[in-house]
Amino acid sequence: MAAPALKDLPKVATDLKTQLEGFNPDKLKNADTQEKIVLPTAEDIESEKQHLSLLKGVESFDASSLKPTETNVKNVLPTAEDVATEKTQQTLIAGIEKFDTSKLKHAETQEKIVLPDKTAIEEERGKQQLFSGIENFDASKLKHTETCEKNPLPTKEIIEEEKKA
């Protein structure tokens, strides 16, 4: 293939052409390049190899080497007592669901308020007065007293009588 003729080459704008001709590489700043491709570690490679070998082992597994087994399913049937209790519960629920409320008679409730008698009121009033007396007690009205302990010792006659008894 021959080189293209000058007239076939694309035309460059004159202002861009003058900028490219006047380009000075000394004006560029130095920059450190950093490699952003992170290679896997030896541990990553080893774990991936183990994973692949496990998958290959599962895919190439021979199911004909397995032994045939039988599964015994044990269903525990309910006892006669369980069946009877369930039937009574179902009949009760069915009776409640089918109950006709229109057959009920209208009834009005009467609330009876029972007030305490006079003796109970007097007892309660007495307890309240006792509590208020205790709560409102003024300890500053008490007089100061000194306690004197008297412990009389037994006489000789009393000691001799106790020894004889």
Protein backbone atom coordinates (compact mmCIF):
# COMPACT_ATOMS: atom_id res chain seq x y z
CA MET A 1 0.00 0.00 0.00
CA ALA A 2 1.38 3.35 -1.00
CA ALA A 3 1.62 6.41 1.24
CA PRO A 4 -1.31 8.78 0.82
CA ALA A 5 -0.80 11.87 -1.25
CA LEU A 6 -0.50 15.25 0.49
CA LYS A 7 -3.81 16.40 -0.90
CA ASP A 8 -5.55 13.29 0.64
CA LEU A 9 -4.33 14.04 4.19
CA PRO A 10 -6.75 15.81 6.54
CA LYS A 11 -6.34 19.55 6.89
CA VAL A 12 -5.34 21.00 10.31
CA ALA A 13 -6.57 24.42 11.40
CA THR A 14 -3.85 27.08 11.21
CA ASP A 15 -4.17 28.24 14.86
CA LEU A 16 -3.82 24.62 16.07
CA LYS A 17 -0.88 24.10 13.71
CA THR A 18 0.95 27.14 15.13
CA GLN A 19 0.34 25.92 18.69
CA LEU A 20 1.73 22.48 17.87
CA GLU A 21 4.81 23.96 16.17
CA GLY A 22 5.47 26.25 19.15
CA PHE A 23 5.12 23.38 21.73
CA ASN A 24 8.00 23.20 24.20
CA PRO A 25 8.30 19.93 26.17
CA ASP A 26 10.37 21.69 28.86
CA LYS A 27 7.19 23.41 30.14
CA LEU A 28 5.62 20.09 31.18
CA LYS A 29 5.54 19.12 34.88
CA ASN A 30 7.07 15.88 36.10
CA ALA A 31 4.51 13.37 37.38
CA ASP A 32 4.99 10.03 39.09
CA THR A 33 3.04 7.24 37.48
CA GLN A 34 1.19 4.86 39.73
CA GLU A 35 0.21 1.42 38.60
CA LYS A 36 -3.42 0.86 39.49
CA ILE A 37 -3.67 -2.79 38.50
CA VAL A 38 -3.52 -4.80 41.72
CA LEU A 39 -2.33 -8.35 41.27
CA PRO A 40 -3.85 -11.08 43.44
CA THR A 41 -1.86 -12.37 46.40
CA ALA A 42 -0.67 -15.94 46.74
CA GLU A 43 -3.48 -16.61 49.24
CA ASP A 44 -6.09 -15.38 46.74
CA ILE A 45 -4.70 -17.63 44.03
CA GLU A 46 -4.60 -20.64 46.39
CA SER A 47 -8.19 -20.13 47.56
CA GLU A 48 -9.36 -19.80 43.94
CA LYS A 49 -7.54 -23.03 43.03
CA GLN A 50 -9.25 -24.84 45.93
CA HIS A 51 -12.63 -23.51 44.88
CA LEU A 52 -12.09 -24.61 41.25
CA SER A 53 -10.93 -28.07 42.33
CA LEU A 54 -14.02 -28.42 44.53
CA LEU A 55 -16.30 -27.46 41.64
CA LYS A 56 -14.47 -29.87 39.32
CA GLY A 57 -14.89 -32.65 41.91
CA VAL A 58 -18.63 -32.00 42.18
CA GLU A 59 -19.06 -31.93 38.40
CA SER A 60 -17.12 -35.16 37.86
CA PHE A 61 -18.77 -37.05 40.76
CA ASP A 62 -19.94 -40.54 39.85
CA ALA A 63 -23.39 -41.14 41.35
CA SER A 64 -23.23 -44.86 40.51
CA SER A 65 -20.76 -45.37 43.38
CA LEU A 66 -23.46 -44.52 45.94
CA LYS A 67 -25.29 -47.25 47.81
CA PRO A 68 -29.07 -47.38 47.45
CA THR A 69 -31.01 -46.66 50.63
CA GLU A 70 -34.63 -46.71 51.66
CA THR A 71 -36.27 -43.94 53.61
CA ASN A 72 -38.73 -44.93 56.29
CA VAL A 73 -41.24 -42.20 57.00
CA LYS A 74 -42.83 -42.57 60.38
CA ASN A 75 -46.25 -40.96 60.69
CA VAL A 76 -47.62 -41.14 64.19
CA LEU A 77 -51.36 -41.53 63.97
CA PRO A 78 -53.54 -39.93 66.64
CA THR A 79 -55.00 -42.12 69.35
CA ALA A 80 -58.72 -42.69 69.82
CA GLU A 81 -58.70 -40.21 72.73
CA ASP A 82 -57.13 -37.51 70.51
CA VAL A 83 -59.75 -38.09 67.82
CA ALA A 84 -62.58 -37.96 70.36
CA THR A 85 -61.37 -34.69 71.94
CA GLU A 86 -60.95 -33.13 68.50
CA LYS A 87 -64.49 -34.15 67.53
CA THR A 88 -65.97 -32.64 70.71
CA GLN A 89 -64.05 -29.42 70.11
CA GLN A 90 -65.30 -29.26 66.52
CA THR A 91 -68.92 -29.84 67.59
CA LEU A 92 -68.63 -27.12 70.24
CA ILE A 93 -67.18 -24.65 67.74
CA ALA A 94 -69.83 -25.53 65.17
CA GLY A 95 -72.57 -25.03 67.81
CA ILE A 96 -71.18 -21.63 68.74
CA GLU A 97 -70.95 -20.57 65.10
CA LYS A 98 -74.54 -21.67 64.35
CA PHE A 99 -76.03 -20.13 67.51
CA ASP A 100 -79.05 -17.91 66.79
CA THR A 101 -78.89 -14.76 68.94
CA SER A 102 -82.41 -13.75 67.93
CA LYS A 103 -83.79 -16.42 70.32
CA LEU A 104 -82.30 -14.65 73.34
CA LYS A 105 -84.53 -12.61 75.63
CA HIS A 106 -83.72 -8.99 76.35
CA ALA A 107 -82.36 -8.37 79.84
CA GLU A 108 -81.42 -5.16 81.58
CA THR A 109 -78.64 -5.13 84.09
CA GLN A 110 -79.04 -3.41 87.42
CA GLU A 111 -75.98 -2.22 89.23
CA LYS A 112 -76.29 -2.38 92.96
CA ILE A 113 -74.00 -0.07 94.86
CA VAL A 114 -73.42 -1.41 98.36
CA LEU A 115 -72.34 1.32 100.77
CA PRO A 116 -70.49 0.43 103.97
CA ASP A 117 -72.45 0.59 107.23
CA LYS A 118 -71.82 3.14 110.00
CA THR A 119 -69.53 0.88 112.05
CA ALA A 120 -67.20 0.31 109.09
CA ILE A 121 -67.09 4.07 108.44
CA GLU A 122 -66.27 4.76 112.12
CA GLU A 123 -63.49 2.14 112.10
CA GLU A 124 -61.97 3.64 108.99
CA ARG A 125 -62.20 7.17 110.42
CA GLY A 126 -60.45 5.97 113.59
CA LYS A 127 -57.63 4.41 111.55
CA GLN A 128 -57.20 7.61 109.55
CA GLN A 129 -57.01 9.70 112.75
CA LEU A 130 -54.42 7.31 114.17
CA PHE A 131 -52.32 7.53 111.00
CA SER A 132 -52.56 11.33 110.87
CA GLY A 133 -51.54 11.50 114.55
CA ILE A 134 -48.46 9.40 113.83
CA GLU A 135 -47.56 11.32 110.67
CA ASN A 136 -48.02 14.76 112.26
CA PHE A 137 -46.25 13.90 115.54
CA ASP A 138 -44.03 16.74 116.79
CA ALA A 139 -40.90 15.30 118.42
CA SER A 140 -39.80 18.74 119.68
CA LYS A 141 -42.53 18.67 122.39
CA LEU A 142 -40.90 15.69 124.14
CA LYS A 143 -38.93 16.23 127.37
CA HIS A 144 -35.40 14.95 127.74
CA THR A 145 -35.00 12.01 130.13
CA GLU A 146 -32.14 9.87 131.27
CA THR A 147 -32.48 6.15 131.55
CA CYS A 148 -31.28 4.49 134.71
CA GLU A 149 -30.93 0.71 134.62
CA LYS A 150 -31.66 -1.15 137.84
CA ASN A 151 -30.51 -4.75 137.99
CA PRO A 152 -30.94 -5.98 141.55
CA LEU A 153 -28.72 -8.88 142.50
CA PRO A 154 -30.30 -11.84 144.29
CA THR A 155 -29.78 -12.13 148.03
CA LYS A 156 -28.06 -15.08 149.70
CA GLU A 157 -31.39 -16.54 150.79
CA ILE A 158 -32.73 -16.60 147.23
CA ILE A 159 -29.52 -18.24 145.95
CA GLU A 160 -29.75 -20.96 148.64
CA GLU A 161 -33.42 -21.63 147.80
CA GLU A 162 -32.56 -22.05 144.12
CA LYS A 163 -29.74 -24.46 144.99
CA LYS A 164 -32.15 -26.60 147.05
CA ALA A 165 -34.77 -26.73 144.34
